[in-house]
Amino acid sequence: MALFKKRPTGKPGEWYYCLEHKKVEEGPECPAKNRFGPYASREEASHAMETARERNLEWETDPKWHDAAGKDQTPED
């Protein structure tokens, strides 16, 4: 018998998007490695993949991270 029960992290009332099951979940249903979140609402979590696509596009087109020739470069402060 195990001394400690392994539980996914998260709390009821927090919303997540499960990448494995491709659905919105409330609280700790799936392991953290398989989900995006937490989100403030079920609606926000349901748009997790769209949000990720938008953020990826912003990063890919951010001139701070790419020079004119298209080579990766760290930004200068």
PDB file of N, CA and C in Angstrom:
ATOM      1  N   MET A   1       0.836  -1.178   0.000  1.00  0.00           N
ATOM      2  CA  MET A   1       0.000   0.000   0.000  1.00  0.00           C
ATOM      3  C   MET A   1       0.880   1.240   0.000  1.00  0.00           C
ATOM      4  N   ALA A   2       0.560   2.169  -0.851  1.00  0.00           N
ATOM      5  CA  ALA A   2       1.351   3.392  -0.967  1.00  0.00           C
ATOM      6  C   ALA A   2       1.092   4.318   0.214  1.00  0.00           C
ATOM      7  N   LEU A   3       2.158   4.965   0.673  1.00  0.00           N
ATOM      8  CA  LEU A   3       2.021   5.911   1.779  1.00  0.00           C
ATOM      9  C   LEU A   3       1.444   7.232   1.322  1.00  0.00           C
ATOM     10  N   PHE A   4       1.761   7.613   0.090  1.00  0.00           N
ATOM     11  CA  PHE A   4       1.303   8.887  -0.432  1.00  0.00           C
ATOM     12  C   PHE A   4       0.523   8.660  -1.717  1.00  0.00           C
ATOM     13  N   LYS A   5      -0.628   9.276  -1.802  1.00  0.00           N
ATOM     14  CA  LYS A   5      -1.443   9.184  -3.007  1.00  0.00           C
ATOM     15  C   LYS A   5      -0.998  10.268  -3.975  1.00  0.00           C
ATOM     16  N   LYS A   6      -0.661   9.877  -5.185  1.00  0.00           N
ATOM     17  CA  LYS A   6      -0.234  10.835  -6.203  1.00  0.00           C
ATOM     18  C   LYS A   6      -1.476  11.472  -6.819  1.00  0.00           C
ATOM     19  N   ARG A   7      -1.570  12.809  -6.704  1.00  0.00           N
ATOM     20  CA  ARG A   7      -2.708  13.541  -7.243  1.00  0.00           C
ATOM     21  C   ARG A   7      -2.235  14.571  -8.254  1.00  0.00           C
ATOM     22  N   PRO A   8      -3.038  14.804  -9.280  1.00  0.00           N
ATOM     23  CA  PRO A   8      -2.714  15.907 -10.189  1.00  0.00           C
ATOM     24  C   PRO A   8      -2.814  17.231  -9.429  1.00  0.00           C
ATOM     25  N   THR A   9      -2.061  18.229  -9.850  1.00  0.00           N
ATOM     26  CA  THR A   9      -2.138  19.523  -9.200  1.00  0.00           C
ATOM     27  C   THR A   9      -3.326  20.297  -9.736  1.00  0.00           C
ATOM     28  N   GLY A  10      -3.813  21.231  -8.977  1.00  0.00           N
ATOM     29  CA  GLY A  10      -4.944  22.042  -9.386  1.00  0.00           C
ATOM     30  C   GLY A  10      -6.017  22.029  -8.316  1.00  0.00           C
ATOM     31  N   LYS A  11      -6.957  22.957  -8.432  1.00  0.00           N
ATOM     32  CA  LYS A  11      -8.016  23.083  -7.444  1.00  0.00           C
ATOM     33  C   LYS A  11      -9.365  23.162  -8.138  1.00  0.00           C
ATOM     34  N   PRO A  12     -10.406  22.662  -7.494  1.00  0.00           N
ATOM     35  CA  PRO A  12     -11.745  22.871  -8.057  1.00  0.00           C
ATOM     36  C   PRO A  12     -12.003  24.369  -8.205  1.00  0.00           C
ATOM     37  N   GLY A  13     -12.683  24.756  -9.257  1.00  0.00           N
ATOM     38  CA  GLY A  13     -12.924  26.166  -9.539  1.00  0.00           C
ATOM     39  C   GLY A  13     -11.920  26.736 -10.525  1.00  0.00           C
ATOM     40  N   GLU A  14     -10.841  26.002 -10.788  1.00  0.00           N
ATOM     41  CA  GLU A  14      -9.875  26.380 -11.809  1.00  0.00           C
ATOM     42  C   GLU A  14     -10.199  25.560 -13.053  1.00  0.00           C
ATOM     43  N   TRP A  15     -10.128  26.176 -14.196  1.00  0.00           N
ATOM     44  CA  TRP A  15     -10.462  25.511 -15.455  1.00  0.00           C
ATOM     45  C   TRP A  15      -9.210  25.253 -16.272  1.00  0.00           C
ATOM     46  N   TYR A  16      -9.175  24.098 -16.915  1.00  0.00           N
ATOM     47  CA  TYR A  16      -8.029  23.673 -17.713  1.00  0.00           C
ATOM     48  C   TYR A  16      -8.508  23.118 -19.049  1.00  0.00           C
ATOM     49  N   TYR A  17      -7.596  23.091 -20.019  1.00  0.00           N
ATOM     50  CA  TYR A  17      -7.863  22.404 -21.272  1.00  0.00           C
ATOM     51  C   TYR A  17      -6.934  21.207 -21.318  1.00  0.00           C
ATOM     52  N   CYS A  18      -7.498  20.004 -21.369  1.00  0.00           N
ATOM     53  CA  CYS A  18      -6.706  18.771 -21.401  1.00  0.00           C
ATOM     54  C   CYS A  18      -6.279  18.483 -22.833  1.00  0.00           C
ATOM     55  N   LEU A  19      -4.976  18.416 -23.050  1.00  0.00           N
ATOM     56  CA  LEU A  19      -4.427  18.151 -24.378  1.00  0.00           C
ATOM     57  C   LEU A  19      -4.615  16.691 -24.792  1.00  0.00           C
ATOM     58  N   GLU A  20      -4.676  15.798 -23.831  1.00  0.00           N
ATOM     59  CA  GLU A  20      -4.829  14.377 -24.129  1.00  0.00           C
ATOM     60  C   GLU A  20      -6.274  14.045 -24.533  1.00  0.00           C
ATOM     61  N   HIS A  21      -7.230  14.559 -23.758  1.00  0.00           N
ATOM     62  CA  HIS A  21      -8.642  14.261 -24.012  1.00  0.00           C
ATOM     63  C   HIS A  21      -9.337  15.309 -24.878  1.00  0.00           C
ATOM     64  N   LYS A  22      -8.630  16.423 -25.125  1.00  0.00           N
ATOM     65  CA  LYS A  22      -9.151  17.521 -25.939  1.00  0.00           C
ATOM     66  C   LYS A  22     -10.495  18.018 -25.423  1.00  0.00           C
ATOM     67  N   LYS A  23     -10.514  18.313 -24.106  1.00  0.00           N
ATOM     68  CA  LYS A  23     -11.736  18.823 -23.494  1.00  0.00           C
ATOM     69  C   LYS A  23     -11.402  19.737 -22.317  1.00  0.00           C
ATOM     70  N   VAL A  24     -12.381  20.540 -21.930  1.00  0.00           N
ATOM     71  CA  VAL A  24     -12.249  21.431 -20.792  1.00  0.00           C
ATOM     72  C   VAL A  24     -12.526  20.632 -19.520  1.00  0.00           C
ATOM     73  N   GLU A  25     -11.705  20.854 -18.499  1.00  0.00           N
ATOM     74  CA  GLU A  25     -11.869  20.156 -17.227  1.00  0.00           C
ATOM     75  C   GLU A  25     -11.810  21.151 -16.082  1.00  0.00           C
ATOM     76  N   GLU A  26     -12.553  20.863 -15.040  1.00  0.00           N
ATOM     77  CA  GLU A  26     -12.490  21.683 -13.843  1.00  0.00           C
ATOM     78  C   GLU A  26     -11.684  20.947 -12.783  1.00  0.00           C
ATOM     79  N   GLY A  27     -10.726  21.663 -12.194  1.00  0.00           N
ATOM     80  CA  GLY A  27      -9.951  21.077 -11.106  1.00  0.00           C
ATOM     81  C   GLY A  27      -8.959  20.032 -11.564  1.00  0.00           C
ATOM     82  N   PRO A  28      -8.502  19.214 -10.630  1.00  0.00           N
ATOM     83  CA  PRO A  28      -7.421  18.261 -10.903  1.00  0.00           C
ATOM     84  C   PRO A  28      -7.894  16.935 -11.491  1.00  0.00           C
ATOM     85  N   GLU A  29      -8.242  16.930 -12.771  1.00  0.00           N
ATOM     86  CA  GLU A  29      -8.649  15.673 -13.404  1.00  0.00           C
ATOM     87  C   GLU A  29      -7.470  14.952 -14.060  1.00  0.00           C
ATOM     88  N   CYS A  30      -6.644  15.680 -14.790  1.00  0.00           N
ATOM     89  CA  CYS A  30      -5.515  15.073 -15.506  1.00  0.00           C
ATOM     90  C   CYS A  30      -4.202  15.678 -15.016  1.00  0.00           C
ATOM     91  N   PRO A  31      -3.086  14.977 -15.228  1.00  0.00           N
ATOM     92  CA  PRO A  31      -1.787  15.504 -14.806  1.00  0.00           C
ATOM     93  C   PRO A  31      -1.468  16.837 -15.483  1.00  0.00           C
ATOM     94  N   ALA A  32      -0.720  17.665 -14.803  1.00  0.00           N
ATOM     95  CA  ALA A  32      -0.363  19.002 -15.296  1.00  0.00           C
ATOM     96  C   ALA A  32       0.358  18.938 -16.638  1.00  0.00           C
ATOM     97  N   LYS A  33       1.118  17.889 -16.885  1.00  0.00           N
ATOM     98  CA  LYS A  33       1.854  17.789 -18.156  1.00  0.00           C
ATOM     99  C   LYS A  33       0.925  17.668 -19.356  1.00  0.00           C
ATOM    100  N   ASN A  34      -0.344  17.353 -19.131  1.00  0.00           N
ATOM    101  CA  ASN A  34      -1.293  17.161 -20.220  1.00  0.00           C
ATOM    102  C   ASN A  34      -2.313  18.273 -20.358  1.00  0.00           C
ATOM    103  N   ARG A  35      -2.068  19.421 -19.728  1.00  0.00           N
ATOM    104  CA  ARG A  35      -3.100  20.451 -19.793  1.00  0.00           C
ATOM    105  C   ARG A  35      -2.545  21.856 -19.855  1.00  0.00           C
ATOM    106  N   PHE A  36      -3.363  22.770 -20.394  1.00  0.00           N
ATOM    107  CA  PHE A  36      -3.107  24.204 -20.377  1.00  0.00           C
ATOM    108  C   PHE A  36      -3.973  24.799 -19.278  1.00  0.00           C
ATOM    109  N   GLY A  37      -3.467  25.808 -18.611  1.00  0.00           N
ATOM    110  CA  GLY A  37      -4.272  26.496 -17.607  1.00  0.00           C
ATOM    111  C   GLY A  37      -3.475  26.737 -16.353  1.00  0.00           C
ATOM    112  N   PRO A  38      -4.084  27.259 -15.351  1.00  0.00           N
ATOM    113  CA  PRO A  38      -5.525  27.410 -15.170  1.00  0.00           C
ATOM    114  C   PRO A  38      -6.064  28.660 -15.846  1.00  0.00           C
ATOM    115  N   TYR A  39      -7.348  28.596 -16.175  1.00  0.00           N
ATOM    116  CA  TYR A  39      -8.078  29.714 -16.757  1.00  0.00           C
ATOM    117  C   TYR A  39      -9.153  30.144 -15.771  1.00  0.00           C
ATOM    118  N   ALA A  40      -9.609  31.378 -15.909  1.00  0.00           N
ATOM    119  CA  ALA A  40     -10.590  31.941 -14.984  1.00  0.00           C
ATOM    120  C   ALA A  40     -11.996  31.397 -15.203  1.00  0.00           C
ATOM    121  N   SER A  41     -12.274  30.919 -16.426  1.00  0.00           N
ATOM    122  CA  SER A  41     -13.626  30.443 -16.712  1.00  0.00           C
ATOM    123  C   SER A  41     -13.586  29.262 -17.679  1.00  0.00           C
ATOM    124  N   ARG A  42     -14.699  28.553 -17.745  1.00  0.00           N
ATOM    125  CA  ARG A  42     -14.839  27.445 -18.687  1.00  0.00           C
ATOM    126  C   ARG A  42     -14.702  27.963 -20.124  1.00  0.00           C
ATOM    127  N   GLU A  43     -15.298  29.113 -20.388  1.00  0.00           N
ATOM    128  CA  GLU A  43     -15.251  29.717 -21.731  1.00  0.00           C
ATOM    129  C   GLU A  43     -13.812  30.005 -22.159  1.00  0.00           C
ATOM    130  N   GLU A  44     -13.039  30.596 -21.259  1.00  0.00           N
ATOM    131  CA  GLU A  44     -11.638  30.911 -21.565  1.00  0.00           C
ATOM    132  C   GLU A  44     -10.844  29.633 -21.827  1.00  0.00           C
ATOM    133  N   ALA A  45     -11.077  28.604 -21.032  1.00  0.00           N
ATOM    134  CA  ALA A  45     -10.378  27.330 -21.220  1.00  0.00           C
ATOM    135  C   ALA A  45     -10.760  26.674 -22.546  1.00  0.00           C
ATOM    136  N   SER A  46     -12.005  26.869 -22.980  1.00  0.00           N
ATOM    137  CA  SER A  46     -12.445  26.251 -24.235  1.00  0.00           C
ATOM    138  C   SER A  46     -11.731  26.849 -25.446  1.00  0.00           C
ATOM    139  N   HIS A  47     -11.141  28.028 -25.288  1.00  0.00           N
ATOM    140  CA  HIS A  47     -10.401  28.675 -26.369  1.00  0.00           C
ATOM    141  C   HIS A  47      -8.884  28.538 -26.199  1.00  0.00           C
ATOM    142  N   ALA A  48      -8.446  27.591 -25.397  1.00  0.00           N
ATOM    143  CA  ALA A  48      -7.021  27.438 -25.084  1.00  0.00           C
ATOM    144  C   ALA A  48      -6.161  27.210 -26.320  1.00  0.00           C
ATOM    145  N   MET A  49      -6.603  26.393 -27.240  1.00  0.00           N
ATOM    146  CA  MET A  49      -5.798  26.105 -28.431  1.00  0.00           C
ATOM    147  C   MET A  49      -5.698  27.333 -29.333  1.00  0.00           C
ATOM    148  N   GLU A  50      -6.788  28.102 -29.443  1.00  0.00           N
ATOM    149  CA  GLU A  50      -6.746  29.337 -30.227  1.00  0.00           C
ATOM    150  C   GLU A  50      -5.781  30.337 -29.590  1.00  0.00           C
ATOM    151  N   THR A  51      -5.843  30.444 -28.277  1.00  0.00           N
ATOM    152  CA  THR A  51      -4.949  31.347 -27.552  1.00  0.00           C
ATOM    153  C   THR A  51      -3.497  30.941 -27.766  1.00  0.00           C
ATOM    154  N   ALA A  52      -3.218  29.648 -27.715  1.00  0.00           N
ATOM    155  CA  ALA A  52      -1.852  29.159 -27.929  1.00  0.00           C
ATOM    156  C   ALA A  52      -1.375  29.479 -29.347  1.00  0.00           C
ATOM    157  N   ARG A  53      -2.240  29.283 -30.339  1.00  0.00           N
ATOM    158  CA  ARG A  53      -1.872  29.604 -31.732  1.00  0.00           C
ATOM    159  C   ARG A  53      -1.554  31.090 -31.884  1.00  0.00           C
ATOM    160  N   GLU A  54      -2.387  31.936 -31.278  1.00  0.00           N
ATOM    161  CA  GLU A  54      -2.166  33.386 -31.367  1.00  0.00           C
ATOM    162  C   GLU A  54      -0.845  33.779 -30.709  1.00  0.00           C
ATOM    163  N   ARG A  55      -0.569  33.208 -29.548  1.00  0.00           N
ATOM    164  CA  ARG A  55       0.678  33.529 -28.846  1.00  0.00           C
ATOM    165  C   ARG A  55       1.886  33.029 -29.620  1.00  0.00           C
ATOM    166  N   ASN A  56       1.787  31.866 -30.221  1.00  0.00           N
ATOM    167  CA  ASN A  56       2.888  31.342 -31.031  1.00  0.00           C
ATOM    168  C   ASN A  56       3.154  32.251 -32.226  1.00  0.00           C
ATOM    169  N   LEU A  57       2.089  32.712 -32.872  1.00  0.00           N
ATOM    170  CA  LEU A  57       2.240  33.600 -34.014  1.00  0.00           C
ATOM    171  C   LEU A  57       2.882  34.922 -33.595  1.00  0.00           C
ATOM    172  N   GLU A  58       2.453  35.457 -32.457  1.00  0.00           N
ATOM    173  CA  GLU A  58       3.066  36.692 -31.944  1.00  0.00           C
ATOM    174  C   GLU A  58       4.557  36.501 -31.713  1.00  0.00           C
ATOM    175  N   TRP A  59       4.935  35.376 -31.119  1.00  0.00           N
ATOM    176  CA  TRP A  59       6.349  35.113 -30.857  1.00  0.00           C
ATOM    177  C   TRP A  59       7.117  34.947 -32.161  1.00  0.00           C
ATOM    178  N   GLU A  60       6.556  34.215 -33.106  1.00  0.00           N
ATOM    179  CA  GLU A  60       7.250  33.966 -34.370  1.00  0.00           C
ATOM    180  C   GLU A  60       7.474  35.241 -35.179  1.00  0.00           C
ATOM    181  N   THR A  61       6.621  36.229 -35.004  1.00  0.00           N
ATOM    182  CA  THR A  61       6.740  37.469 -35.777  1.00  0.00           C
ATOM    183  C   THR A  61       7.282  38.633 -34.951  1.00  0.00           C
ATOM    184  N   ASP A  62       7.721  38.380 -33.733  1.00  0.00           N
ATOM    185  CA  ASP A  62       8.249  39.435 -32.856  1.00  0.00           C
ATOM    186  C   ASP A  62       9.651  39.835 -33.319  1.00  0.00           C
ATOM    187  N   PRO A  63       9.840  41.094 -33.740  1.00  0.00           N
ATOM    188  CA  PRO A  63      11.155  41.521 -34.228  1.00  0.00           C
ATOM    189  C   PRO A  63      12.235  41.509 -33.152  1.00  0.00           C
ATOM    190  N   LYS A  64      11.857  41.489 -31.897  1.00  0.00           N
ATOM    191  CA  LYS A  64      12.850  41.415 -30.823  1.00  0.00           C
ATOM    192  C   LYS A  64      13.571  40.064 -30.817  1.00  0.00           C
ATOM    193  N   TRP A  65      12.916  39.039 -31.373  1.00  0.00           N
ATOM    194  CA  TRP A  65      13.486  37.698 -31.349  1.00  0.00           C
ATOM    195  C   TRP A  65      14.033  37.254 -32.690  1.00  0.00           C
ATOM    196  N   HIS A  66      13.796  38.022 -33.743  1.00  0.00           N
ATOM    197  CA  HIS A  66      14.258  37.627 -35.074  1.00  0.00           C
ATOM    198  C   HIS A  66      14.850  38.841 -35.784  1.00  0.00           C
ATOM    199  N   ASP A  67      16.000  38.653 -36.397  1.00  0.00           N
ATOM    200  CA  ASP A  67      16.592  39.767 -37.140  1.00  0.00           C
ATOM    201  C   ASP A  67      15.994  39.826 -38.555  1.00  0.00           C
ATOM    202  N   ALA A  68      16.411  40.795 -39.338  1.00  0.00           N
ATOM    203  CA  ALA A  68      15.857  41.008 -40.676  1.00  0.00           C
ATOM    204  C   ALA A  68      16.102  39.823 -41.607  1.00  0.00           C
ATOM    205  N   ALA A  69      17.194  39.100 -41.400  1.00  0.00           N
ATOM    206  CA  ALA A  69      17.509  37.955 -42.260  1.00  0.00           C
ATOM    207  C   ALA A  69      16.732  36.708 -41.853  1.00  0.00           C
ATOM    208  N   GLY A  70      15.984  36.785 -40.735  1.00  0.00           N
ATOM    209  CA  GLY A  70      15.194  35.646 -40.298  1.00  0.00           C
ATOM    210  C   GLY A  70      15.940  34.694 -39.389  1.00  0.00           C
ATOM    211  N   LYS A  71      17.142  35.059 -38.968  1.00  0.00           N
ATOM    212  CA  LYS A  71      17.901  34.201 -38.065  1.00  0.00           C
ATOM    213  C   LYS A  71      17.479  34.472 -36.629  1.00  0.00           C
ATOM    214  N   ASP A  72      17.455  33.421 -35.811  1.00  0.00           N
ATOM    215  CA  ASP A  72      17.121  33.585 -34.400  1.00  0.00           C
ATOM    216  C   ASP A  72      18.206  34.382 -33.708  1.00  0.00           C
ATOM    217  N   GLN A  73      17.766  35.238 -32.824  1.00  0.00           N
ATOM    218  CA  GLN A  73      18.695  36.104 -32.105  1.00  0.00           C
ATOM    219  C   GLN A  73      18.045  36.478 -30.773  1.00  0.00           C
ATOM    220  N   THR A  74      18.801  36.494 -29.708  1.00  0.00           N
ATOM    221  CA  THR A  74      18.250  36.943 -28.437  1.00  0.00           C
ATOM    222  C   THR A  74      18.177  38.450 -28.421  1.00  0.00           C
ATOM    223  N   PRO A  75      17.154  39.010 -27.778  1.00  0.00           N
ATOM    224  CA  PRO A  75      17.002  40.464 -27.776  1.00  0.00           C
ATOM    225  C   PRO A  75      18.085  41.146 -26.953  1.00  0.00           C
ATOM    226  N   GLU A  76      18.407  42.349 -27.352  1.00  0.00           N
ATOM    227  CA  GLU A  76      19.374  43.158 -26.618  1.00  0.00           C
ATOM    228  C   GLU A  76      18.611  44.092 -25.708  1.00  0.00           C
ATOM    229  N   ASP A  77      19.034  44.212 -24.483  1.00  0.00           N
ATOM    230  CA  ASP A  77      18.370  45.108 -23.526  1.00  0.00           C
ATOM    231  C   ASP A  77      18.995  46.459 -23.514  1.00  0.00           C
TER     232      ASP A  77
END
